[in-house]
C-alpha cells in the first residue's frame, strides 16, 4: 500500500475533540453572527484573547549523523525546562493589548520583565499555567487598556478553557 505511511499523530485532548466539531462550530458562528448584527461592533471593538505556553527548552530539530552512530545529541539550554504562559489579546483592527506573562514561580521577580513590550504585566503562577484567578487579573488588565463602556462595548472571543469560566470573570465582564 504505497499510499499509506507511518506517521506520528498530533496529540489532541478529549476537550478539544468534543468542542471542535461541526455542530459546535456552527453554534459558535450562529451566536457570533447574532452578536455582530445586534451590536454593530467596529473592528477595534472585537478582540481575540488566547494563551500560549512557551518552554525554555526547545526540541532540537533533526541533525545529520554518521550511520550506525550510537548517540546523537544536540546542546539545549537544559534537559527539563519550565513553561512561561503568555496571554495575548488583539483586536480586528490590529491593536494589541500588552501581554501578561505567567512565570512558573511562587514570587514575582521583576527582572523577568526586562525588555518586555511597554505596558506588559508579569505574575507568578505555581503551575506556570492560567487559572480562573489569573484570568480575572488579565481581564482587569484588558479593561484598563481597552476601556470598554456601556456606550462602546467590546466583544471578546475566547476558547473554551476552564479558566475563562468563573463567576468572578463573568461578573467583571458584565460590570465593564
Protein backbone atom coordinates (compact mmCIF):
# COMPACT_ATOMS: atom_id res chain seq x y z
CA UNK A 1 0.00 0.00 0.00
CA UNK A 2 2.24 2.83 -1.22
CA UNK A 3 -0.41 5.47 -0.39
CA UNK A 4 -0.07 4.69 3.35
CA UNK A 5 2.72 5.88 5.61
CA UNK A 6 3.51 5.56 9.27
CA UNK A 7 3.01 8.99 10.86
CA UNK A 8 3.41 10.47 14.32
CA UNK A 9 -0.05 11.70 15.41
CA UNK A 10 -0.55 15.18 16.84
CA UNK A 11 -1.80 14.90 20.44
CA UNK A 12 -5.41 16.09 20.71
CA UNK A 13 -7.21 16.39 24.05
CA UNK A 14 -10.69 15.00 24.57
CA UNK A 15 -11.90 18.52 25.45
CA UNK A 16 -10.67 19.88 22.09
CA UNK A 17 -12.14 16.91 20.25
CA UNK A 18 -15.57 17.30 21.84
CA UNK A 19 -15.63 21.10 21.48
CA UNK A 20 -14.41 21.32 17.91
CA UNK A 21 -16.90 19.55 15.70
CA UNK A 22 -19.40 20.60 13.03
CA UNK A 23 -22.31 21.12 15.46
CA UNK A 24 -20.28 23.17 17.98
CA UNK A 25 -18.60 25.28 15.31
CA UNK A 26 -21.97 26.04 13.67
CA UNK A 27 -23.40 27.00 17.08
CA UNK A 28 -20.44 29.34 17.72
CA UNK A 29 -20.86 31.11 14.37
CA UNK A 30 -24.64 31.44 14.86
CA UNK A 31 -24.07 33.18 18.21
CA UNK A 32 -21.27 35.34 16.75
CA UNK A 33 -23.42 36.38 13.78
CA UNK A 34 -26.29 37.37 16.10
CA UNK A 35 -23.99 39.41 18.37
CA UNK A 36 -22.39 41.21 15.43
CA UNK A 37 -25.81 42.06 13.97
CA UNK A 38 -27.19 43.22 17.32
CA UNK A 39 -24.27 45.41 18.41
CA UNK A 40 -22.68 46.61 15.13
CA UNK A 41 -19.15 46.28 16.54
CA UNK A 42 -16.39 48.18 14.75
CA UNK A 43 -13.15 46.22 14.10
CA UNK A 44 -11.43 47.95 17.03
CA UNK A 45 -14.16 46.62 19.36
CA UNK A 46 -13.64 42.92 18.52
CA UNK A 47 -10.83 41.21 20.45
CA UNK A 48 -9.42 37.71 20.35
CA UNK A 49 -7.67 36.59 23.54
CA UNK A 50 -5.59 33.44 23.84
CA UNK A 51 -2.75 31.94 25.84
CA UNK A 52 0.27 30.04 24.70
CA UNK A 53 2.86 28.17 26.71
CA UNK A 54 6.47 28.81 25.79
CA UNK A 55 9.04 26.34 27.05
CA UNK A 56 12.58 27.33 27.93
CA UNK A 57 13.88 24.13 26.32
CA UNK A 58 13.33 23.82 22.61
CA UNK A 59 13.09 20.41 20.95
CA UNK A 60 16.10 20.13 18.68
CA UNK A 61 15.44 19.51 15.00
CA UNK A 62 16.96 16.71 13.00
CA UNK A 63 20.72 16.59 12.63
CA UNK A 64 22.99 14.88 10.18
CA UNK A 65 24.86 11.95 11.75
CA UNK A 66 27.03 9.06 10.58
CA UNK A 67 25.05 5.85 10.03
CA UNK A 68 25.42 3.47 12.94
CA UNK A 69 26.26 6.20 15.49
CA UNK A 70 25.06 5.04 18.92
CA UNK A 71 24.44 8.50 20.39
CA UNK A 72 23.47 11.68 18.60
CA UNK A 73 22.90 14.77 20.74
CA UNK A 74 22.38 18.45 20.40
CA UNK A 75 23.06 21.07 23.05
CA UNK A 76 19.96 22.74 24.55
CA UNK A 77 19.65 25.14 27.49
CA UNK A 78 18.58 22.33 29.88
CA UNK A 79 17.13 18.85 29.67
CA UNK A 80 13.99 19.84 31.53
CA UNK A 81 12.58 23.30 31.10
CA UNK A 82 9.88 25.45 32.58
CA UNK A 83 6.86 26.84 30.83
CA UNK A 84 6.01 30.53 30.70
CA UNK A 85 2.47 31.27 29.61
CA UNK A 86 1.84 34.42 27.58
CA UNK A 87 -1.68 35.83 27.32
CA UNK A 88 -2.24 37.98 24.26
CA UNK A 89 -5.21 40.00 23.10
CA UNK A 90 -5.59 41.74 19.76
CA UNK A 91 -8.48 43.46 18.07
CA UNK A 92 -9.62 43.09 14.47
CA UNK A 93 -8.08 46.50 13.64
CA UNK A 94 -4.62 45.18 14.61
CA UNK A 95 -4.17 46.86 18.00
CA UNK A 96 -2.79 44.57 20.68
CA UNK A 97 -3.24 44.62 24.44
CA UNK A 98 0.17 44.46 26.13
CA UNK A 99 0.68 40.81 27.08
CA UNK A 100 0.52 39.20 30.50
CA UNK A 101 3.33 36.76 31.32
CA UNK A 102 2.71 33.94 33.79
CA UNK A 103 6.01 32.78 35.24
CA UNK A 104 6.22 29.39 36.94
CA UNK A 105 7.27 30.56 40.40
CA UNK A 106 5.91 31.46 43.83
CA UNK A 107 7.10 35.08 43.93
CA UNK A 108 7.50 37.54 41.11
CA UNK A 109 10.99 38.71 40.17
CA UNK A 110 10.59 41.93 38.20
CA UNK A 111 13.92 41.32 36.45
CA UNK A 112 11.97 38.84 34.32
CA UNK A 113 10.08 41.76 32.77
CA UNK A 114 13.17 43.49 31.34
CA UNK A 115 12.69 44.35 27.66
CA UNK A 116 9.06 43.23 27.58
CA UNK A 117 6.64 45.30 25.49
CA UNK A 118 5.59 48.52 27.28
CA UNK A 119 2.52 48.01 29.45
CA UNK A 120 3.09 44.26 29.84
CA UNK A 121 2.46 42.68 33.21
CA UNK A 122 4.09 39.66 34.82
CA UNK A 123 2.64 37.48 37.52
CA UNK A 124 3.77 34.36 39.36
CA UNK A 125 1.88 31.13 38.77
CA UNK A 126 2.56 27.99 40.83
CA UNK A 127 1.94 25.79 37.79
CA UNK A 128 3.04 28.18 35.04
CA UNK A 129 -0.46 27.91 33.56
CA UNK A 130 -3.60 30.04 33.57
CA UNK A 131 -6.24 29.58 36.27
CA UNK A 132 -9.51 31.43 36.91
CA UNK A 133 -7.96 33.92 39.36
CA UNK A 134 -5.18 34.83 36.94
CA UNK A 135 -7.65 35.11 34.08
CA UNK A 136 -9.71 37.57 36.13
CA UNK A 137 -6.48 39.51 36.73
CA UNK A 138 -5.86 39.52 32.96
CA UNK A 139 -9.41 40.81 32.38
CA UNK A 140 -8.70 43.72 34.73
CA UNK A 141 -5.55 44.46 32.70
CA UNK A 142 -7.56 44.17 29.46
CA UNK A 143 -10.28 46.52 30.77
CA UNK A 144 -7.69 49.14 31.77
CA UNK A 145 -6.27 49.03 28.24
CA UNK A 146 -9.39 48.61 26.05
CA UNK A 147 -11.62 50.86 28.20
CA UNK A 148 -14.95 49.19 27.34
CA UNK A 149 -18.09 51.06 28.38
CA UNK A 150 -21.84 50.73 28.12
CA UNK A 151 -21.86 53.14 25.17
CA UNK A 152 -18.87 51.46 23.50
CA UNK A 153 -18.80 47.76 24.43
CA UNK A 154 -16.21 45.30 23.19
CA UNK A 155 -16.65 41.72 22.05
CA UNK A 156 -14.09 39.24 23.39
CA UNK A 157 -13.58 35.95 21.58
CA UNK A 158 -12.06 33.19 23.73
CA UNK A 159 -11.56 29.47 23.59
CA UNK A 160 -13.45 27.22 25.99
CA UNK A 161 -10.67 26.82 28.56
CA UNK A 162 -11.98 26.21 32.06
CA UNK A 163 -10.05 29.19 33.47
CA UNK A 164 -12.28 31.53 31.44
CA UNK A 165 -15.45 30.21 33.06
CA UNK A 166 -15.71 31.65 36.57
CA UNK A 167 -18.32 33.75 38.31
CA UNK A 168 -15.70 36.44 39.03
CA UNK A 169 -14.76 36.71 35.34
CA UNK A 170 -18.38 36.88 34.18
CA UNK A 171 -19.24 39.46 36.86
CA UNK A 172 -16.23 41.61 35.96
CA UNK A 173 -17.09 41.43 32.24
CA UNK A 174 -20.73 42.39 32.86
CA UNK A 175 -19.74 45.32 35.09
CA UNK A 176 -17.45 46.65 32.36
